[in-house]
Amino acid sequence: MTSKGLFRVSHLISGWRTGLSRPVLILQAGNALNYFGYGLVLPFEIIYLHHIRGFSTSTAGLVLAATMGTAASVTPPTGALTDRYSAKAIVVAGSLASAVGYAGFAFVERPWQAFACSILGGAGLGAAGTANRTLVVRLVTPEQRPAAFALNRVGGNFGIGAGATIAGFIVAAAPQLSSFQILYFVDAVTFAGFALIVLAAVPSPPAVSAAATVAGGTGFRAVARDRLFLTVIAANIVLVVVGHTFFSNILSPFAAAHTTVGPAAIGIIFLVNTSFIVIAQIPAVRVVARMRRTLGFAVTSALFAVSLLAVLPATLIHSELAAASLLAGVAIVFAIAECVHILVLGPLVADMAPAHLLGRYLSLYTLTFTGSLALGPAIGGLLLGTSPDAIWWGGALAVVLAGAVLFRLGDRIPDPLHEAPPSLASAPEAA
């Protein structure tokens, strides 16, 4: 290989350096393992409950809704617990609860059993997810937060994508009860494995001093007094519902009903989206670090609006290849917007939070995504049956308005570039 070629390879590798400590890297690797197990069952839960266990599709859907509903309901209390007790212990306990819940799914025969497993698994997901974010933030420096959030998203996308792909081959080869039981059993093992990794290899960060707690006020009432934070969260609910979940949950049924794109092409479109995120998320840290946070929100909302509007021309294209190519391009624009959004939002929430309220602030950040998994499909599903095109032009209008609200916050939100010149603001180099 020529020296120029070696330089290019070295430059590409350097873009993936995060500068994160070994415990944080181990935690994120365990997180990817956890997502892999979750990806094994995620695409096939309704198929398993309906075709294998004989539940109606409505009952199967309610079982899945109970999982996310429970996860959302335990998120705020978990945030309060992580402000008082060990986030590490809560991650371990939540992961073990999910392990038991998802292992139980392999043996359910009646709906009440499925709901019991769903509630237990969902409680574990909500508790471990909130505590995991708090643990990561407390283990890194403020400068490392964008890289930590980016690596978490890479691990999640890679894990779910790999798990879903492998599970697809397993189910296609043998669509029978034992195949699904294996998937749920392996999922449970990954939850338990993640708990053991955290227990053995991840340290507990030091506790917040009692003096800081008393001086700053406690409880969610203190969070509610932070009107600036609540404005950020409210605007971001719109960005997450319209920008993230409309693509994830609504694009597939819309494309199947209103375009010439078939199931195989839809799968490829989603593969393009997740693959782009896995490849680009870490290098994007350096690019986004040079932006003002308000500009990052504006870029996010503009890209979401463009991608939402770009779905509509696909309904006018009669060639499946051309329509699929257009939607693959849409998937890439969505992915770019998602990369920027995560790198701005997560570190901002951590920077806005007083140390003794970090868990509560991050719990509301987590709830933004968990709640949107319910709101997005509900709103999109309603519009699919009444005015399908309104999903895309109405969504574009909504994200532009949300982005405008966030952009107008200006210097009122914390921003590293307020204290440092652009030339000094960059992602940390690897140790």
Protein backbone atom coordinates (compact mmCIF):
# COMPACT_ATOMS: atom_id res chain seq x y z
CA MET A 1 0.00 0.00 0.00
CA THR A 2 1.32 3.46 -0.88
CA SER A 3 2.09 6.09 1.74
CA LYS A 4 -0.94 8.06 0.57
CA GLY A 5 -3.11 4.97 1.04
CA LEU A 6 -1.72 4.38 4.52
CA PHE A 7 -2.42 8.00 5.39
CA ARG A 8 -6.04 7.65 4.28
CA VAL A 9 -6.51 4.48 6.33
CA SER A 10 -4.91 6.12 9.36
CA HIS A 11 -7.13 9.18 8.94
CA LEU A 12 -10.24 6.97 8.71
CA ILE A 13 -9.26 5.05 11.85
CA SER A 14 -8.53 8.27 13.73
CA GLY A 15 -12.09 9.38 13.03
CA TRP A 16 -13.29 6.41 15.10
CA ARG A 17 -11.17 7.23 18.14
CA THR A 18 -13.28 8.25 21.10
CA GLY A 19 -10.78 8.92 23.89
CA LEU A 20 -13.06 7.07 26.33
CA SER A 21 -11.65 5.14 29.27
CA ARG A 22 -11.46 1.36 29.33
CA PRO A 23 -14.38 0.90 31.79
CA VAL A 24 -16.63 3.03 29.59
CA LEU A 25 -15.61 1.08 26.48
CA ILE A 26 -16.33 -2.19 28.30
CA LEU A 27 -19.71 -0.85 29.40
CA GLN A 28 -20.57 0.14 25.84
CA ALA A 29 -19.42 -3.23 24.49
CA GLY A 30 -21.70 -4.94 27.01
CA ASN A 31 -24.46 -2.61 25.92
CA ALA A 32 -23.99 -3.72 22.31
CA LEU A 33 -24.24 -7.35 23.46
CA ASN A 34 -27.46 -6.47 25.26
CA TYR A 35 -28.91 -4.83 22.15
CA PHE A 36 -27.91 -7.87 20.09
CA GLY A 37 -30.07 -10.09 22.27
CA TYR A 38 -32.94 -7.60 22.13
CA GLY A 39 -32.60 -7.48 18.33
CA LEU A 40 -33.05 -11.25 18.17
CA VAL A 41 -36.66 -11.02 19.36
CA LEU A 42 -37.70 -7.47 18.47
CA PRO A 43 -38.90 -8.10 14.87
CA PHE A 44 -40.63 -11.37 15.68
CA GLU A 45 -42.54 -10.76 18.91
CA ILE A 46 -45.97 -10.35 17.31
CA ILE A 47 -45.26 -13.21 14.89
CA TYR A 48 -44.35 -15.48 17.80
CA LEU A 49 -47.34 -14.57 19.96
CA HIS A 50 -49.84 -14.72 17.08
CA HIS A 51 -48.66 -17.59 14.88
CA ILE A 52 -46.98 -19.81 17.46
CA ARG A 53 -48.92 -19.13 20.66
CA GLY A 54 -52.26 -18.41 18.99
CA PHE A 55 -52.91 -14.96 20.48
CA SER A 56 -54.92 -12.50 18.42
CA THR A 57 -52.92 -9.72 16.78
CA SER A 58 -54.62 -7.13 19.00
CA THR A 59 -53.63 -9.05 22.13
CA ALA A 60 -50.09 -9.47 20.85
CA GLY A 61 -49.90 -5.73 20.18
CA LEU A 62 -51.14 -4.94 23.68
CA VAL A 63 -48.49 -7.22 25.13
CA LEU A 64 -45.79 -5.25 23.33
CA ALA A 65 -47.42 -1.97 24.34
CA ALA A 66 -47.32 -3.12 27.96
CA THR A 67 -43.55 -3.56 27.68
CA MET A 68 -42.91 0.03 26.55
CA GLY A 69 -45.65 1.42 28.78
CA THR A 70 -44.06 -0.17 31.82
CA ALA A 71 -40.61 0.99 30.72
CA ALA A 72 -41.92 4.55 30.44
CA SER A 73 -43.67 4.43 33.82
CA VAL A 74 -40.58 3.29 35.74
CA THR A 75 -38.24 5.79 34.06
CA PRO A 76 -38.90 8.86 36.29
CA PRO A 77 -38.78 6.89 39.58
CA THR A 78 -35.54 5.29 38.39
CA GLY A 79 -34.09 8.74 37.75
CA ALA A 80 -34.88 9.67 41.34
CA LEU A 81 -33.29 6.46 42.62
CA THR A 82 -30.06 7.03 40.66
CA ASP A 83 -29.72 10.45 42.34
CA ARG A 84 -29.67 8.71 45.73
CA TYR A 85 -28.30 5.23 45.14
CA SER A 86 -25.81 3.44 42.93
CA ALA A 87 -26.63 3.65 39.22
CA LYS A 88 -24.44 0.58 38.72
CA ALA A 89 -26.59 -1.50 41.08
CA ILE A 90 -29.78 -0.38 39.33
CA VAL A 91 -28.34 -1.32 35.91
CA VAL A 92 -27.54 -4.80 37.24
CA ALA A 93 -30.94 -5.25 38.90
CA GLY A 94 -32.85 -3.96 35.86
CA SER A 95 -30.91 -6.19 33.46
CA LEU A 96 -31.57 -9.27 35.58
CA ALA A 97 -35.29 -8.40 35.73
CA SER A 98 -35.36 -8.18 31.93
CA ALA A 99 -33.50 -11.50 31.70
CA VAL A 100 -36.19 -13.22 33.77
CA GLY A 101 -39.02 -11.51 31.87
CA TYR A 102 -37.76 -12.36 28.40
CA ALA A 103 -36.83 -15.91 29.38
CA GLY A 104 -40.40 -16.33 30.55
CA PHE A 105 -41.71 -15.33 27.11
CA ALA A 106 -40.32 -18.59 25.76
CA PHE A 107 -42.84 -20.55 27.83
CA VAL A 108 -46.00 -18.41 27.87
CA GLU A 109 -49.19 -20.19 26.86
CA ARG A 110 -51.85 -17.72 28.03
CA PRO A 111 -52.17 -13.94 27.60
CA TRP A 112 -51.91 -13.19 31.33
CA GLN A 113 -48.56 -14.95 31.40
CA ALA A 114 -47.35 -12.87 28.45
CA PHE A 115 -48.50 -9.66 30.14
CA ALA A 116 -46.68 -10.63 33.35
CA CYS A 117 -43.46 -11.25 31.43
CA SER A 118 -44.00 -8.06 29.47
CA ILE A 119 -44.37 -5.96 32.61
CA LEU A 120 -41.32 -7.52 34.26
CA GLY A 121 -39.19 -7.20 31.13
CA GLY A 122 -40.37 -3.63 30.53
CA ALA A 123 -39.64 -2.59 34.09
CA GLY A 124 -36.12 -3.93 33.68
CA LEU A 125 -35.66 -2.13 30.36
CA GLY A 126 -36.81 1.20 31.78
CA ALA A 127 -34.75 0.96 34.95
CA ALA A 128 -31.54 -0.31 33.33
CA GLY A 129 -31.77 2.12 30.40
CA THR A 130 -32.11 5.18 32.62
CA ALA A 131 -29.47 4.05 35.10
CA ASN A 132 -27.10 3.09 32.27
CA ARG A 133 -27.16 6.61 30.81
CA THR A 134 -26.58 8.10 34.26
CA LEU A 135 -23.69 5.72 34.91
CA VAL A 136 -22.02 6.57 31.59
CA VAL A 137 -22.33 10.32 32.13
CA ARG A 138 -20.81 10.05 35.60
CA LEU A 139 -17.88 8.01 34.27
CA VAL A 140 -16.83 10.49 31.56
CA THR A 141 -15.73 14.11 31.47
CA PRO A 142 -18.03 16.77 30.01
CA GLU A 143 -15.80 16.88 26.91
CA GLN A 144 -16.25 13.13 26.39
CA ARG A 145 -20.06 13.14 26.58
CA PRO A 146 -20.70 13.48 22.82
CA ALA A 147 -18.38 10.53 22.10
CA ALA A 148 -20.06 8.46 24.83
CA PHE A 149 -23.58 9.11 23.48
CA ALA A 150 -22.36 8.43 19.95
CA LEU A 151 -20.77 5.11 20.87
CA ASN A 152 -23.93 4.07 22.70
CA ARG A 153 -25.98 4.71 19.56
CA VAL A 154 -23.49 2.82 17.39
CA GLY A 155 -23.63 -0.17 19.73
CA GLY A 156 -27.42 -0.08 19.79
CA ASN A 157 -27.84 0.08 16.02
CA PHE A 158 -25.17 -2.54 15.37
CA GLY A 159 -26.48 -4.89 18.04
CA ILE A 160 -30.13 -4.69 17.00
CA GLY A 161 -29.27 -4.95 13.31
CA ALA A 162 -27.01 -7.98 13.79
CA GLY A 163 -29.49 -9.67 16.12
CA ALA A 164 -32.46 -9.14 13.79
CA THR A 165 -30.49 -10.41 10.79
CA ILE A 166 -29.38 -13.61 12.54
CA ALA A 167 -32.85 -14.18 13.96
CA GLY A 168 -34.32 -13.82 10.48
CA PHE A 169 -32.15 -16.66 9.19
CA ILE A 170 -33.00 -18.85 12.21
CA VAL A 171 -36.75 -18.32 11.84
CA ALA A 172 -36.64 -18.76 8.05
CA ALA A 173 -34.77 -22.05 8.44
CA ALA A 174 -37.09 -23.47 11.09
CA PRO A 175 -40.31 -21.46 11.78
CA GLN A 176 -41.32 -23.52 14.82
CA LEU A 177 -41.72 -23.11 18.57
CA SER A 178 -38.21 -24.28 19.48
CA SER A 179 -36.61 -21.66 17.21
CA PHE A 180 -38.44 -18.82 18.95
CA GLN A 181 -37.67 -20.30 22.36
CA ILE A 182 -33.97 -20.28 21.48
CA LEU A 183 -34.19 -16.62 20.50
CA TYR A 184 -35.82 -15.63 23.78
CA PHE A 185 -33.38 -17.76 25.77
CA VAL A 186 -30.36 -16.16 24.08
CA ASP A 187 -31.91 -12.74 24.66
CA ALA A 188 -32.21 -13.54 28.37
CA VAL A 189 -28.58 -14.71 28.44
CA THR A 190 -27.39 -11.42 26.93
CA PHE A 191 -29.29 -9.42 29.57
CA ALA A 192 -27.70 -11.52 32.31
CA GLY A 193 -24.30 -11.30 30.61
CA PHE A 194 -24.57 -7.52 30.49
CA ALA A 195 -25.38 -7.47 34.22
CA LEU A 196 -22.27 -9.56 34.95
CA ILE A 197 -20.09 -7.30 32.78
CA VAL A 198 -21.29 -4.21 34.64
CA LEU A 199 -20.88 -5.91 38.02
CA ALA A 200 -17.35 -7.14 37.36
CA ALA A 201 -15.73 -4.53 35.11
CA VAL A 202 -17.43 -1.18 35.62
CA PRO A 203 -16.60 0.95 38.69
CA SER A 204 -19.14 2.90 40.71
CA PRO A 205 -18.62 6.66 40.34
CA PRO A 206 -18.34 8.74 43.52
CA ALA A 207 -21.57 9.89 45.10
CA VAL A 208 -22.74 13.51 44.97
CA SER A 209 -22.06 15.40 48.20
CA ALA A 210 -24.95 16.01 50.55
CA ALA A 211 -24.08 19.71 50.70
CA ALA A 212 -24.60 20.09 46.95
CA THR A 213 -27.90 18.29 47.22
CA VAL A 214 -29.26 20.53 49.96
CA ALA A 215 -28.03 23.72 48.30
CA GLY A 216 -29.53 22.90 44.93
CA GLY A 217 -32.94 21.59 45.97
CA THR A 218 -34.18 18.07 45.39
CA GLY A 219 -36.93 16.15 43.63
CA PHE A 220 -38.79 16.62 40.39
CA ARG A 221 -40.10 19.96 41.66
CA ALA A 222 -36.59 21.30 41.26
CA VAL A 223 -36.54 19.95 37.69
CA ALA A 224 -39.96 21.50 36.97
CA ARG A 225 -38.60 24.92 37.93
CA ASP A 226 -36.06 24.66 35.10
CA ARG A 227 -38.32 26.06 32.39
CA LEU A 228 -35.47 26.17 29.88
CA PHE A 229 -34.90 22.43 30.24
CA LEU A 230 -38.62 21.70 29.93
CA THR A 231 -38.72 23.75 26.72
CA VAL A 232 -35.85 21.69 25.30
CA ILE A 233 -37.56 18.43 26.25
CA ALA A 234 -40.96 19.50 24.84
CA ALA A 235 -39.47 20.56 21.50
CA ASN A 236 -37.45 17.37 21.33
CA ILE A 237 -40.53 15.22 21.81
CA VAL A 238 -41.67 16.63 18.46
CA LEU A 239 -38.28 15.90 16.86
CA VAL A 240 -38.23 12.35 18.18
CA VAL A 241 -41.85 11.51 17.36
CA VAL A 242 -41.74 12.95 13.85
CA GLY A 243 -38.07 12.52 12.98
CA HIS A 244 -37.27 9.14 14.54
CA THR A 245 -40.46 7.11 14.97
CA PHE A 246 -42.23 8.17 11.76
CA PHE A 247 -39.32 6.73 9.82
CA SER A 248 -38.96 3.63 12.01
CA ASN A 249 -42.65 2.73 12.35
CA ILE A 250 -44.68 4.49 9.68
CA LEU A 251 -42.53 4.50 6.53
CA SER A 252 -42.86 0.72 6.01
CA PRO A 253 -46.68 0.48 5.97
CA PHE A 254 -46.92 3.73 4.00
CA ALA A 255 -44.45 2.50 1.37
CA ALA A 256 -46.17 -0.88 1.13
CA ALA A 257 -49.59 0.73 0.60
CA HIS A 258 -48.78 3.80 -1.49
CA THR A 259 -45.59 3.04 -3.47
CA THR A 260 -44.28 0.29 -5.71
CA VAL A 261 -41.65 -0.69 -3.13
CA GLY A 262 -41.88 -4.31 -1.96
CA PRO A 263 -40.93 -5.97 1.36
CA ALA A 264 -37.38 -6.87 0.29
CA ALA A 265 -36.67 -3.29 -0.80
CA ILE A 266 -38.09 -1.95 2.47
CA GLY A 267 -35.66 -4.18 4.35
CA ILE A 268 -32.77 -2.82 2.30
CA ILE A 269 -33.90 0.77 2.98
CA PHE A 270 -33.74 0.16 6.73
CA LEU A 271 -30.39 -1.58 6.37
CA VAL A 272 -29.06 1.53 4.59
CA ASN A 273 -30.27 3.71 7.47
CA THR A 274 -28.80 1.65 10.31
CA SER A 275 -25.56 0.95 8.44
CA PHE A 276 -25.02 4.64 7.79
CA ILE A 277 -25.53 5.42 11.49
CA VAL A 278 -23.07 2.72 12.55
CA ILE A 279 -20.43 4.02 10.13
CA ALA A 280 -20.93 7.77 10.52
CA GLN A 281 -21.96 8.33 14.14
CA ILE A 282 -18.49 8.33 15.73
CA PRO A 283 -16.76 10.46 13.03
CA ALA A 284 -19.72 12.86 13.26
CA VAL A 285 -18.63 13.75 16.80
CA ARG A 286 -15.83 15.93 15.44
CA VAL A 287 -18.06 17.66 12.92
CA VAL A 288 -20.87 18.43 15.37
CA ALA A 289 -18.35 19.62 18.00
CA ARG A 290 -17.64 22.60 15.74
CA MET A 291 -21.31 23.65 15.68
CA ARG A 292 -23.21 25.79 18.13
CA ARG A 293 -25.83 23.60 19.75
CA THR A 294 -28.66 25.80 18.50
CA LEU A 295 -27.25 25.45 14.99
CA GLY A 296 -27.13 21.68 15.49
CA PHE A 297 -30.83 21.68 16.36
CA ALA A 298 -31.57 23.82 13.30
CA VAL A 299 -29.62 21.43 11.05
CA THR A 300 -31.43 18.46 12.59
CA SER A 301 -34.89 19.94 12.03
CA ALA A 302 -34.04 21.03 8.46
CA LEU A 303 -32.74 17.58 7.53
CA PHE A 304 -35.76 15.88 9.09
CA ALA A 305 -38.08 18.22 7.16
CA VAL A 306 -36.30 17.55 3.86
CA SER A 307 -36.38 13.79 4.36
CA LEU A 308 -40.05 13.80 5.38
CA LEU A 309 -41.08 15.79 2.31
CA ALA A 310 -38.88 13.62 0.05
CA VAL A 311 -41.04 10.58 0.87
CA LEU A 312 -44.00 12.02 -1.07
CA PRO A 313 -42.46 11.86 -4.60
CA ALA A 314 -42.00 8.11 -4.14
CA THR A 315 -45.78 7.72 -4.49
CA LEU A 316 -45.56 9.11 -8.05
CA ILE A 317 -42.77 6.78 -9.25
CA HIS A 318 -43.87 3.62 -11.08
CA SER A 319 -40.48 1.88 -11.07
CA GLU A 320 -39.76 -0.09 -7.90
CA LEU A 321 -36.00 0.40 -8.34
CA ALA A 322 -36.35 4.15 -8.73
CA ALA A 323 -38.77 4.47 -5.80
CA ALA A 324 -36.57 2.28 -3.59
CA SER A 325 -33.50 4.33 -4.57
CA LEU A 326 -35.27 7.53 -3.62
CA LEU A 327 -36.35 6.12 -0.25
CA ALA A 328 -32.82 4.80 0.35
CA GLY A 329 -31.63 8.38 -0.13
CA VAL A 330 -34.32 9.50 2.30
CA ALA A 331 -33.03 6.90 4.79
CA ILE A 332 -29.53 8.39 4.58
CA VAL A 333 -30.79 11.94 5.18
CA PHE A 334 -32.80 10.65 8.15
CA ALA A 335 -29.63 8.96 9.44
CA ILE A 336 -27.57 12.16 9.17
CA ALA A 337 -30.25 14.07 11.07
CA GLU A 338 -30.37 11.36 13.75
CA CYS A 339 -26.57 11.47 14.15
CA VAL A 340 -26.55 15.24 14.67
CA HIS A 341 -29.61 15.17 16.95
CA ILE A 342 -28.21 12.59 19.37
CA LEU A 343 -24.83 14.35 19.59
CA VAL A 344 -26.48 17.65 20.49
CA LEU A 345 -29.35 16.52 22.71
CA GLY A 346 -27.72 13.98 25.03
CA PRO A 347 -24.69 16.06 26.08
CA LEU A 348 -26.89 19.17 26.42
CA VAL A 349 -29.22 17.45 28.89
CA ALA A 350 -26.21 16.24 30.91
CA ASP A 351 -24.74 19.76 30.92
CA MET A 352 -28.03 21.36 32.01
CA ALA A 353 -28.45 18.98 34.95
CA PRO A 354 -27.13 19.86 38.41
CA ALA A 355 -24.98 16.97 39.64
CA HIS A 356 -27.45 15.94 42.34
CA LEU A 357 -30.34 15.87 39.84
CA LEU A 358 -28.53 14.17 36.97
CA GLY A 359 -30.59 11.00 37.22
CA ARG A 360 -33.89 12.90 37.12
CA TYR A 361 -32.84 15.00 34.13
CA LEU A 362 -31.62 11.93 32.22
CA SER A 363 -34.80 10.05 33.13
CA LEU A 364 -36.86 12.72 31.34
CA TYR A 365 -34.43 12.52 28.42
CA THR A 366 -35.00 8.75 28.32
CA LEU A 367 -38.75 9.24 28.65
CA THR A 368 -38.64 11.46 25.55
CA PHE A 369 -37.65 8.42 23.50
CA THR A 370 -39.67 5.80 25.37
CA GLY A 371 -42.86 7.85 25.21
CA SER A 372 -42.29 8.62 21.55
CA LEU A 373 -42.28 4.90 20.77
CA ALA A 374 -45.93 5.00 21.81
CA LEU A 375 -46.91 8.47 20.51
CA GLY A 376 -45.28 8.15 17.09
CA PRO A 377 -47.02 4.94 15.96
CA ALA A 378 -50.33 6.11 17.47
CA ILE A 379 -50.30 9.45 15.62
CA GLY A 380 -48.89 7.97 12.43
CA GLY A 381 -51.29 5.03 12.49
CA LEU A 382 -54.26 7.39 12.83
CA LEU A 383 -53.07 9.53 9.89
CA LEU A 384 -52.40 6.44 7.76
CA GLY A 385 -56.10 5.69 7.85
CA THR A 386 -57.31 9.25 7.29
CA SER A 387 -54.74 11.40 5.45
CA PRO A 388 -51.50 9.51 4.70
CA ASP A 389 -49.73 12.38 2.92
CA ALA A 390 -50.28 14.60 5.98
CA ILE A 391 -47.82 12.40 7.88
CA TRP A 392 -44.98 13.77 5.78
CA TRP A 393 -45.89 17.40 5.05
CA GLY A 394 -47.45 17.85 8.50
CA GLY A 395 -44.42 16.22 10.12
CA ALA A 396 -42.09 18.51 8.17
CA LEU A 397 -44.00 21.56 9.41
CA ALA A 398 -43.89 20.28 13.00
CA VAL A 399 -40.12 19.69 13.04
CA VAL A 400 -39.42 23.10 11.47
CA LEU A 401 -41.46 24.78 14.22
CA ALA A 402 -39.71 22.71 16.93
CA GLY A 403 -36.32 23.53 15.43
CA ALA A 404 -37.19 27.23 15.37
CA VAL A 405 -38.09 27.12 19.08
CA LEU A 406 -34.77 25.46 19.92
CA PHE A 407 -32.78 27.79 17.67
CA ARG A 408 -34.27 30.84 19.40
CA LEU A 409 -32.95 29.65 22.76
CA GLY A 410 -29.57 30.96 21.62
CA ASP A 411 -27.01 31.58 24.36
CA ARG A 412 -29.46 30.61 27.10
CA ILE A 413 -28.51 26.94 26.78
CA PRO A 414 -25.03 25.77 27.83
CA ASP A 415 -22.64 25.35 24.92
CA PRO A 416 -18.91 24.53 24.97
CA LEU A 417 -18.40 26.95 22.08
CA HIS A 418 -19.54 29.81 24.29
CA GLU A 419 -16.38 29.39 26.33
CA ALA A 420 -13.95 28.14 23.67
CA PRO A 421 -13.09 29.35 20.18
CA PRO A 422 -14.13 27.02 17.34
CA SER A 423 -10.54 26.02 16.65
CA LEU A 424 -10.25 24.54 20.14
CA ALA A 425 -13.63 22.82 20.23
CA SER A 426 -13.20 19.29 18.97
CA ALA A 427 -13.78 15.76 20.12
CA PRO A 428 -11.10 14.32 22.40
CA GLU A 429 -8.25 12.40 20.90
CA ALA A 430 -7.64 8.78 21.84
CA ALA A 431 -5.48 8.08 24.76
